[in-house]
Amino acid sequence: MHRLIVLAMLLAACSTESPLLPAPSYRDVSAPIASIASFDPDRFLGRWYEIASYPQLFQAGCRNTQAIYGAAPDGISVTNTCLRDGVPARIEGSATVIGPGRLEVRLDGVPFVSPFWILWVDEGYRTAVIGVPSGRAGWILNRDPEIPADRLTAAREILDFYGYDLAQLRMTPQDRQ
C-alpha cells in the first residue's frame, strides 16, 4: 500500500502544476492552449486506453494503461490502471468539472489537485487529447486499445498545435485484449 501512495504522489507531482517535484515541460508554454468548449462530461465517461503520453516517472515500465471515468454523486470517479512488470498497479480518485473541457483531478493519497484540460475529442467521443497548461503531461486516449491512423494523426496535430513536442511523445504498449 505504501508503494501505491508513493506512486500516486509521483503521478500527481510529475503530471500537474505541483511545486513538489520539478518536472520537464513537453510544450512551448508561450503557445496558447485552450480546452474544448463543447465538452460533454457524460459522453466522456467510461473506459479509455492510453495510446500515447509524455514520459512520466510514475508510468515507467507501464503497459496496458487505462483510465476509467464514472458517474459519482459529487462529480466523476477516476480509476487509472496499468501493468508494470506484469503486476497490476491502480490508483483511484475523483474529478470535478471546473469549466468547459476542464477537470480538476484528485487522486487518493495525493495532497493537491491536477488540472486536466480536454484539448480535443472527436465527434463520436472515441479519441481524446488531454493536456495540462504547464505542459508537464499530455495524453492521447482512445476507446479501443488500437487507434485508427486518421484519429492518431488528428490527435498528434492537436498536441503540435498547442506547442507540445511530438518528438518526446511515447506510444503506450497495449496488448491485445
C-alpha atoms as a PDB file:
ATOM      1  CA  MET A   1       0.000   0.000   0.000  1.00  0.00           C
ATOM      2  CA  HIS A   2       2.879   2.347   0.815  1.00  0.00           C
ATOM      3  CA  ARG A   3       4.246   1.892  -2.730  1.00  0.00           C
ATOM      4  CA  LEU A   4       0.850   2.803  -4.154  1.00  0.00           C
ATOM      5  CA  ILE A   5       0.724   6.065  -2.166  1.00  0.00           C
ATOM      6  CA  VAL A   6       4.237   6.965  -3.298  1.00  0.00           C
ATOM      7  CA  LEU A   7       3.188   6.129  -6.872  1.00  0.00           C
ATOM      8  CA  ALA A   8       0.150   8.391  -6.503  1.00  0.00           C
ATOM      9  CA  MET A   9       2.218  11.274  -5.210  1.00  0.00           C
ATOM     10  CA  LEU A  10       4.725  10.896  -8.012  1.00  0.00           C
ATOM     11  CA  LEU A  11       1.884  10.711 -10.523  1.00  0.00           C
ATOM     12  CA  ALA A  12       0.397  13.953  -9.345  1.00  0.00           C
ATOM     13  CA  ALA A  13       3.691  15.737  -8.821  1.00  0.00           C
ATOM     14  CA  CYS A  14       5.054  14.869 -12.230  1.00  0.00           C
ATOM     15  CA  SER A  15       1.926  15.475 -14.242  1.00  0.00           C
ATOM     16  CA  THR A  16       0.494  18.621 -12.743  1.00  0.00           C
ATOM     17  CA  GLU A  17       1.237  22.120 -11.631  1.00  0.00           C
ATOM     18  CA  SER A  18       2.584  20.773  -8.333  1.00  0.00           C
ATOM     19  CA  PRO A  19       5.556  22.562  -6.824  1.00  0.00           C
ATOM     20  CA  LEU A  20       6.654  19.345  -5.039  1.00  0.00           C
ATOM     21  CA  LEU A  21       8.861  17.988  -7.792  1.00  0.00           C
ATOM     22  CA  PRO A  22      10.343  19.784 -10.763  1.00  0.00           C
ATOM     23  CA  ALA A  23       9.161  18.204 -13.986  1.00  0.00           C
ATOM     24  CA  PRO A  24      10.034  18.963 -17.576  1.00  0.00           C
ATOM     25  CA  SER A  25       7.596  20.792 -19.776  1.00  0.00           C
ATOM     26  CA  TYR A  26       6.892  19.000 -23.022  1.00  0.00           C
ATOM     27  CA  ARG A  27       5.345  22.037 -24.660  1.00  0.00           C
ATOM     28  CA  ASP A  28       6.272  25.574 -25.528  1.00  0.00           C
ATOM     29  CA  VAL A  29       4.315  27.371 -22.807  1.00  0.00           C
ATOM     30  CA  SER A  30       4.328  30.575 -24.846  1.00  0.00           C
ATOM     31  CA  ALA A  31       1.944  28.824 -27.287  1.00  0.00           C
ATOM     32  CA  PRO A  32      -1.722  29.413 -26.477  1.00  0.00           C
ATOM     33  CA  ILE A  33      -3.645  26.462 -25.070  1.00  0.00           C
ATOM     34  CA  ALA A  34      -7.394  26.011 -24.746  1.00  0.00           C
ATOM     35  CA  SER A  35      -9.821  23.340 -23.661  1.00  0.00           C
ATOM     36  CA  ILE A  36     -12.824  22.475 -25.800  1.00  0.00           C
ATOM     37  CA  ALA A  37     -15.966  24.477 -25.072  1.00  0.00           C
ATOM     38  CA  SER A  38     -18.343  21.749 -26.287  1.00  0.00           C
ATOM     39  CA  PHE A  39     -17.103  19.113 -23.828  1.00  0.00           C
ATOM     40  CA  ASP A  40     -19.850  16.754 -22.624  1.00  0.00           C
ATOM     41  CA  PRO A  41     -18.783  15.085 -19.349  1.00  0.00           C
ATOM     42  CA  ASP A  42     -21.465  12.382 -19.652  1.00  0.00           C
ATOM     43  CA  ARG A  43     -20.163  11.252 -23.046  1.00  0.00           C
ATOM     44  CA  PHE A  44     -16.615  11.209 -21.663  1.00  0.00           C
ATOM     45  CA  LEU A  45     -17.468   8.617 -19.005  1.00  0.00           C
ATOM     46  CA  GLY A  46     -16.281   5.053 -19.499  1.00  0.00           C
ATOM     47  CA  ARG A  47     -13.064   3.220 -20.301  1.00  0.00           C
ATOM     48  CA  TRP A  48     -10.217   4.883 -22.200  1.00  0.00           C
ATOM     49  CA  TYR A  49      -6.977   3.250 -23.312  1.00  0.00           C
ATOM     50  CA  GLU A  50      -3.808   5.304 -23.213  1.00  0.00           C
ATOM     51  CA  ILE A  51      -2.423   5.316 -26.740  1.00  0.00           C
ATOM     52  CA  ALA A  52       0.450   7.738 -26.175  1.00  0.00           C
ATOM     53  CA  SER A  53       1.792  10.019 -23.465  1.00  0.00           C
ATOM     54  CA  TYR A  54       4.747  12.121 -22.451  1.00  0.00           C
ATOM     55  CA  PRO A  55       7.260  10.326 -20.202  1.00  0.00           C
ATOM     56  CA  GLN A  56       6.325  10.383 -16.535  1.00  0.00           C
ATOM     57  CA  LEU A  57       8.306   8.799 -13.729  1.00  0.00           C
ATOM     58  CA  PHE A  58       5.196   7.168 -12.275  1.00  0.00           C
ATOM     59  CA  GLN A  59       4.460   5.406 -15.581  1.00  0.00           C
ATOM     60  CA  ALA A  60       7.913   3.959 -16.188  1.00  0.00           C
ATOM     61  CA  GLY A  61       7.542   0.351 -17.280  1.00  0.00           C
ATOM     62  CA  CYS A  62       3.739   0.569 -17.613  1.00  0.00           C
ATOM     63  CA  ARG A  63       1.785  -1.110 -20.380  1.00  0.00           C
ATOM     64  CA  ASN A  64      -1.935  -1.651 -20.910  1.00  0.00           C
ATOM     65  CA  THR A  65      -2.576   1.709 -19.268  1.00  0.00           C
ATOM     66  CA  GLN A  66      -6.258   2.571 -18.900  1.00  0.00           C
ATOM     67  CA  ALA A  67      -8.375   5.294 -17.348  1.00  0.00           C
ATOM     68  CA  ILE A  68     -11.965   4.689 -16.301  1.00  0.00           C
ATOM     69  CA  TYR A  69     -14.196   7.683 -15.641  1.00  0.00           C
ATOM     70  CA  GLY A  70     -17.525   7.000 -13.931  1.00  0.00           C
ATOM     71  CA  ALA A  71     -20.529   8.929 -12.668  1.00  0.00           C
ATOM     72  CA  ALA A  72     -20.295   9.749  -8.972  1.00  0.00           C
ATOM     73  CA  PRO A  73     -22.610  11.703  -6.641  1.00  0.00           C
ATOM     74  CA  ASP A  74     -20.063  14.515  -6.287  1.00  0.00           C
ATOM     75  CA  GLY A  75     -18.614  14.521  -9.813  1.00  0.00           C
ATOM     76  CA  ILE A  76     -16.616  11.896 -11.678  1.00  0.00           C
ATOM     77  CA  SER A  77     -14.847   8.838 -10.289  1.00  0.00           C
ATOM     78  CA  VAL A  78     -11.376   8.158 -11.686  1.00  0.00           C
ATOM     79  CA  THR A  79      -9.575   4.815 -11.792  1.00  0.00           C
ATOM     80  CA  ASN A  80      -6.192   4.558 -13.507  1.00  0.00           C
ATOM     81  CA  THR A  81      -4.588   1.165 -14.056  1.00  0.00           C
ATOM     82  CA  CYS A  82      -1.578  -0.335 -15.790  1.00  0.00           C
ATOM     83  CA  LEU A  83       0.601  -3.416 -15.745  1.00  0.00           C
ATOM     84  CA  ARG A  84       4.142  -2.816 -14.520  1.00  0.00           C
ATOM     85  CA  ASP A  85       6.424  -5.806 -14.945  1.00  0.00           C
ATOM     86  CA  GLY A  86       3.316  -7.993 -15.101  1.00  0.00           C
ATOM     87  CA  VAL A  87       1.965  -6.658 -11.803  1.00  0.00           C
ATOM     88  CA  PRO A  88      -1.265  -4.624 -11.810  1.00  0.00           C
ATOM     89  CA  ALA A  89      -0.981  -1.051 -10.493  1.00  0.00           C
ATOM     90  CA  ARG A  90      -4.043   1.024  -9.671  1.00  0.00           C
ATOM     91  CA  ILE A  91      -4.922   4.423  -8.268  1.00  0.00           C
ATOM     92  CA  GLU A  92      -8.352   5.910  -7.703  1.00  0.00           C
ATOM     93  CA  GLY A  93      -9.689   9.382  -7.184  1.00  0.00           C
ATOM     94  CA  SER A  94     -12.250  11.852  -8.414  1.00  0.00           C
ATOM     95  CA  ALA A  95     -12.598  14.646 -10.915  1.00  0.00           C
ATOM     96  CA  THR A  96     -14.658  17.800 -10.844  1.00  0.00           C
ATOM     97  CA  VAL A  97     -15.665  19.742 -13.935  1.00  0.00           C
ATOM     98  CA  ILE A  98     -14.466  23.308 -13.290  1.00  0.00           C
ATOM     99  CA  GLY A  99     -15.114  24.788 -16.716  1.00  0.00           C
ATOM    100  CA  PRO A 100     -15.742  23.830 -20.326  1.00  0.00           C
ATOM    101  CA  GLY A 101     -13.384  20.939 -21.027  1.00  0.00           C
ATOM    102  CA  ARG A 102     -11.524  21.432 -17.749  1.00  0.00           C
ATOM    103  CA  LEU A 103     -11.269  18.962 -14.907  1.00  0.00           C
ATOM    104  CA  GLU A 104      -9.598  19.066 -11.526  1.00  0.00           C
ATOM    105  CA  VAL A 105      -8.426  15.575 -10.656  1.00  0.00           C
ATOM    106  CA  ARG A 106      -7.845  14.467  -7.078  1.00  0.00           C
ATOM    107  CA  LEU A 107      -6.109  11.154  -6.523  1.00  0.00           C
ATOM    108  CA  ASP A 108      -6.366   9.238  -3.262  1.00  0.00           C
ATOM    109  CA  GLY A 109      -3.408   9.996  -1.008  1.00  0.00           C
ATOM    110  CA  VAL A 110      -2.224  12.993  -3.053  1.00  0.00           C
ATOM    111  CA  PRO A 111      -2.481  16.340  -1.225  1.00  0.00           C
ATOM    112  CA  PHE A 112      -3.252  18.540  -4.252  1.00  0.00           C
ATOM    113  CA  VAL A 113      -5.363  18.659  -7.411  1.00  0.00           C
ATOM    114  CA  SER A 114      -4.247  18.249 -11.020  1.00  0.00           C
ATOM    115  CA  PRO A 115      -5.640  20.356 -13.876  1.00  0.00           C
ATOM    116  CA  PHE A 116      -6.621  18.170 -16.822  1.00  0.00           C
ATOM    117  CA  TRP A 117      -7.765  20.029 -19.921  1.00  0.00           C
ATOM    118  CA  ILE A 118      -9.595  18.217 -22.696  1.00  0.00           C
ATOM    119  CA  LEU A 119      -7.853  19.699 -25.733  1.00  0.00           C
ATOM    120  CA  TRP A 120      -9.797  17.705 -28.302  1.00  0.00           C
ATOM    121  CA  VAL A 121     -12.264  14.876 -28.587  1.00  0.00           C
ATOM    122  CA  ASP A 122     -13.590  13.560 -31.878  1.00  0.00           C
ATOM    123  CA  GLU A 123     -17.284  13.844 -32.662  1.00  0.00           C
ATOM    124  CA  GLY A 124     -18.004  10.252 -31.606  1.00  0.00           C
ATOM    125  CA  TYR A 125     -16.085  10.557 -28.313  1.00  0.00           C
ATOM    126  CA  ARG A 126     -13.774   7.745 -29.461  1.00  0.00           C
ATOM    127  CA  THR A 127     -10.446   9.600 -29.239  1.00  0.00           C
ATOM    128  CA  ALA A 128      -9.395  12.369 -26.848  1.00  0.00           C
ATOM    129  CA  VAL A 129      -6.353  14.531 -26.234  1.00  0.00           C
ATOM    130  CA  ILE A 130      -5.695  15.714 -22.668  1.00  0.00           C
ATOM    131  CA  GLY A 131      -3.068  18.212 -21.597  1.00  0.00           C
ATOM    132  CA  VAL A 132      -2.064  20.411 -18.698  1.00  0.00           C
ATOM    133  CA  PRO A 133      -1.333  24.126 -19.026  1.00  0.00           C
ATOM    134  CA  SER A 134       2.256  23.736 -17.798  1.00  0.00           C
ATOM    135  CA  GLY A 135       2.974  21.145 -20.490  1.00  0.00           C
ATOM    136  CA  ARG A 136       4.282  18.663 -17.910  1.00  0.00           C
ATOM    137  CA  ALA A 137       1.948  15.991 -19.223  1.00  0.00           C
ATOM    138  CA  GLY A 138      -0.222  15.094 -22.164  1.00  0.00           C
ATOM    139  CA  TRP A 139      -2.106  12.016 -23.277  1.00  0.00           C
ATOM    140  CA  ILE A 140      -3.817  10.558 -26.309  1.00  0.00           C
ATOM    141  CA  LEU A 141      -6.692   8.322 -25.223  1.00  0.00           C
ATOM    142  CA  ASN A 142      -8.897   6.035 -27.285  1.00  0.00           C
ATOM    143  CA  ARG A 143     -11.934   3.876 -26.525  1.00  0.00           C
ATOM    144  CA  ASP A 144     -10.189   0.823 -28.014  1.00  0.00           C
ATOM    145  CA  PRO A 145      -6.599  -0.325 -27.458  1.00  0.00           C
ATOM    146  CA  GLU A 146      -5.928   0.211 -31.169  1.00  0.00           C
ATOM    147  CA  ILE A 147      -6.443   3.630 -32.735  1.00  0.00           C
ATOM    148  CA  PRO A 148      -7.149   4.240 -36.423  1.00  0.00           C
ATOM    149  CA  ALA A 149      -4.342   6.085 -38.214  1.00  0.00           C
ATOM    150  CA  ASP A 150      -6.513   9.095 -39.091  1.00  0.00           C
ATOM    151  CA  ARG A 151      -7.505   9.761 -35.472  1.00  0.00           C
ATOM    152  CA  LEU A 152      -3.926   9.273 -34.245  1.00  0.00           C
ATOM    153  CA  THR A 153      -2.785  11.810 -36.836  1.00  0.00           C
ATOM    154  CA  ALA A 154      -5.513  14.240 -35.744  1.00  0.00           C
ATOM    155  CA  ALA A 155      -4.575  13.818 -32.076  1.00  0.00           C
ATOM    156  CA  ARG A 156      -0.895  14.413 -32.801  1.00  0.00           C
ATOM    157  CA  GLU A 157      -1.809  17.540 -34.793  1.00  0.00           C
ATOM    158  CA  ILE A 158      -3.724  18.901 -31.788  1.00  0.00           C
ATOM    159  CA  LEU A 159      -0.724  18.384 -29.496  1.00  0.00           C
ATOM    160  CA  ASP A 160       1.527  20.054 -32.057  1.00  0.00           C
ATOM    161  CA  PHE A 161      -0.890  22.995 -32.420  1.00  0.00           C
ATOM    162  CA  TYR A 162      -0.771  23.604 -28.659  1.00  0.00           C
ATOM    163  CA  GLY A 163       3.018  23.604 -28.649  1.00  0.00           C
ATOM    164  CA  TYR A 164       3.733  20.058 -27.489  1.00  0.00           C
ATOM    165  CA  ASP A 165       6.996  18.483 -28.682  1.00  0.00           C
ATOM    166  CA  LEU A 166       5.905  15.464 -30.716  1.00  0.00           C
ATOM    167  CA  ALA A 167       9.436  14.025 -30.669  1.00  0.00           C
ATOM    168  CA  GLN A 168       9.014  13.295 -26.939  1.00  0.00           C
ATOM    169  CA  LEU A 169       5.571  11.668 -27.252  1.00  0.00           C
ATOM    170  CA  ARG A 170       5.791   7.927 -26.483  1.00  0.00           C
ATOM    171  CA  MET A 171       3.398   5.246 -27.690  1.00  0.00           C
ATOM    172  CA  THR A 172       1.958   3.153 -24.847  1.00  0.00           C
ATOM    173  CA  PRO A 173       2.109  -0.616 -25.353  1.00  0.00           C
ATOM    174  CA  GLN A 174      -1.363  -2.129 -25.349  1.00  0.00           C
ATOM    175  CA  ASP A 175      -1.564  -5.905 -25.514  1.00  0.00           C
ATOM    176  CA  ARG A 176      -4.491  -7.349 -27.432  1.00  0.00           C
ATOM    177  CA  GLN A 177      -7.395  -7.731 -25.018  1.00  0.00           C
END
